[in-house]
Amino acid sequence: MLLEALGSALLGLLLAGAAIHRLSHRLPTRSLVLATGVAGALCGAFVTHSALDAGGVLLPLVGAAVVSAASLSLLLRPGGRLRRRSATA
């Protein structure tokens, strides 16, 4: 189980690093993105391991990747300017 935790934390760091590399202009500070990636991966691995009573290492890592990617996607800001006008203008 320790290897699952270390593997999922490393996977979260890799996903967060890829997000920083590709989408740095749409993300908040680097430390927040890295922490979110690792925390999401650890939570995903824990939930998957608890729900499926994991017999292997692959399923918890898949769950870690899914939850980490989902939590990182919540940090994204809109790319362009919003061109909506208020109703009173």
Protein backbone atom coordinates (compact mmCIF):
# COMPACT_ATOMS: atom_id res chain seq x y z
CA MET A 1 0.00 0.00 0.00
CA LEU A 2 2.95 2.30 0.58
CA LEU A 3 4.04 1.79 -3.02
CA GLU A 4 0.52 2.68 -4.20
CA ALA A 5 0.66 5.93 -2.23
CA LEU A 6 4.11 6.84 -3.54
CA GLY A 7 3.16 5.89 -7.08
CA SER A 8 -0.04 7.90 -6.98
CA ALA A 9 1.76 10.93 -5.51
CA LEU A 10 4.32 10.71 -8.29
CA LEU A 11 1.54 10.38 -10.85
CA GLY A 12 -0.14 13.47 -9.40
CA LEU A 13 3.12 15.40 -9.64
CA LEU A 14 3.56 14.34 -13.26
CA LEU A 15 0.02 15.38 -14.19
CA ALA A 16 0.41 18.71 -12.39
CA GLY A 17 3.75 19.30 -14.10
CA ALA A 18 2.21 18.58 -17.50
CA ALA A 19 -0.65 20.96 -16.72
CA ILE A 20 1.81 23.68 -15.70
CA HIS A 21 3.84 23.16 -18.84
CA ARG A 22 0.87 23.26 -21.22
CA LEU A 23 -1.55 25.64 -19.45
CA SER A 24 0.58 27.91 -17.25
CA HIS A 25 -1.21 31.05 -18.45
CA ARG A 26 -4.58 29.70 -17.28
CA LEU A 27 -3.54 28.28 -13.89
CA PRO A 28 -2.88 29.90 -10.49
CA THR A 29 0.48 29.64 -8.72
CA ARG A 30 2.72 26.66 -9.34
CA SER A 31 2.72 25.51 -5.70
CA LEU A 32 -1.08 25.37 -5.60
CA VAL A 33 -1.22 23.34 -8.82
CA LEU A 34 1.39 20.86 -7.58
CA ALA A 35 -0.33 20.44 -4.23
CA THR A 36 -3.72 19.97 -5.90
CA GLY A 37 -2.34 17.33 -8.26
CA VAL A 38 -0.78 15.31 -5.45
CA ALA A 39 -3.78 15.63 -3.13
CA GLY A 40 -6.19 14.64 -5.88
CA ALA A 41 -4.09 11.62 -6.78
CA LEU A 42 -3.81 10.46 -3.19
CA CYS A 43 -7.56 10.86 -2.63
CA GLY A 44 -8.33 9.04 -5.87
CA ALA A 45 -6.05 6.15 -4.99
CA PHE A 46 -7.55 5.90 -1.50
CA VAL A 47 -11.14 5.90 -2.76
CA THR A 48 -10.39 3.37 -5.50
CA HIS A 49 -8.49 1.12 -3.13
CA SER A 50 -11.30 1.30 -0.55
CA ALA A 51 -14.12 0.79 -3.02
CA LEU A 52 -12.63 -2.04 -5.06
CA ASP A 53 -10.54 -3.71 -2.36
CA ALA A 54 -7.68 -3.50 -4.83
CA GLY A 55 -6.06 -6.74 -5.82
CA GLY A 56 -3.41 -4.98 -7.87
CA VAL A 57 -1.71 -1.67 -8.33
CA LEU A 58 -3.18 -0.69 -11.69
CA LEU A 59 -6.74 0.18 -10.62
CA PRO A 60 -5.77 2.54 -7.79
CA LEU A 61 -3.37 4.32 -10.14
CA VAL A 62 -6.15 4.76 -12.70
CA GLY A 63 -8.40 6.17 -9.98
CA ALA A 64 -5.57 8.46 -8.88
CA ALA A 65 -5.10 9.76 -12.40
CA VAL A 66 -8.82 10.40 -12.89
CA VAL A 67 -9.35 12.29 -9.64
CA SER A 68 -6.10 14.23 -10.02
CA ALA A 69 -7.03 15.34 -13.54
CA ALA A 70 -10.51 16.30 -12.38
CA SER A 71 -9.20 18.35 -9.46
CA LEU A 72 -6.64 20.07 -11.69
CA SER A 73 -9.34 20.95 -14.18
CA LEU A 74 -11.17 22.85 -11.45
CA LEU A 75 -8.25 25.28 -11.22
CA LEU A 76 -8.44 26.41 -14.85
CA ARG A 77 -9.46 29.99 -15.55
CA PRO A 78 -11.17 31.14 -18.75
CA GLY A 79 -8.77 31.62 -21.64
CA GLY A 80 -10.10 34.77 -23.25
CA ARG A 81 -11.98 37.81 -22.17
CA LEU A 82 -15.64 37.46 -21.49
CA ARG A 83 -17.50 39.73 -23.88
CA ARG A 84 -20.81 39.76 -22.14
CA ARG A 85 -22.48 43.02 -21.33
CA SER A 86 -24.59 43.47 -18.30
CA ALA A 87 -28.32 44.02 -18.71
CA THR A 88 -28.10 47.55 -17.34
CA ALA A 89 -25.42 48.73 -19.82
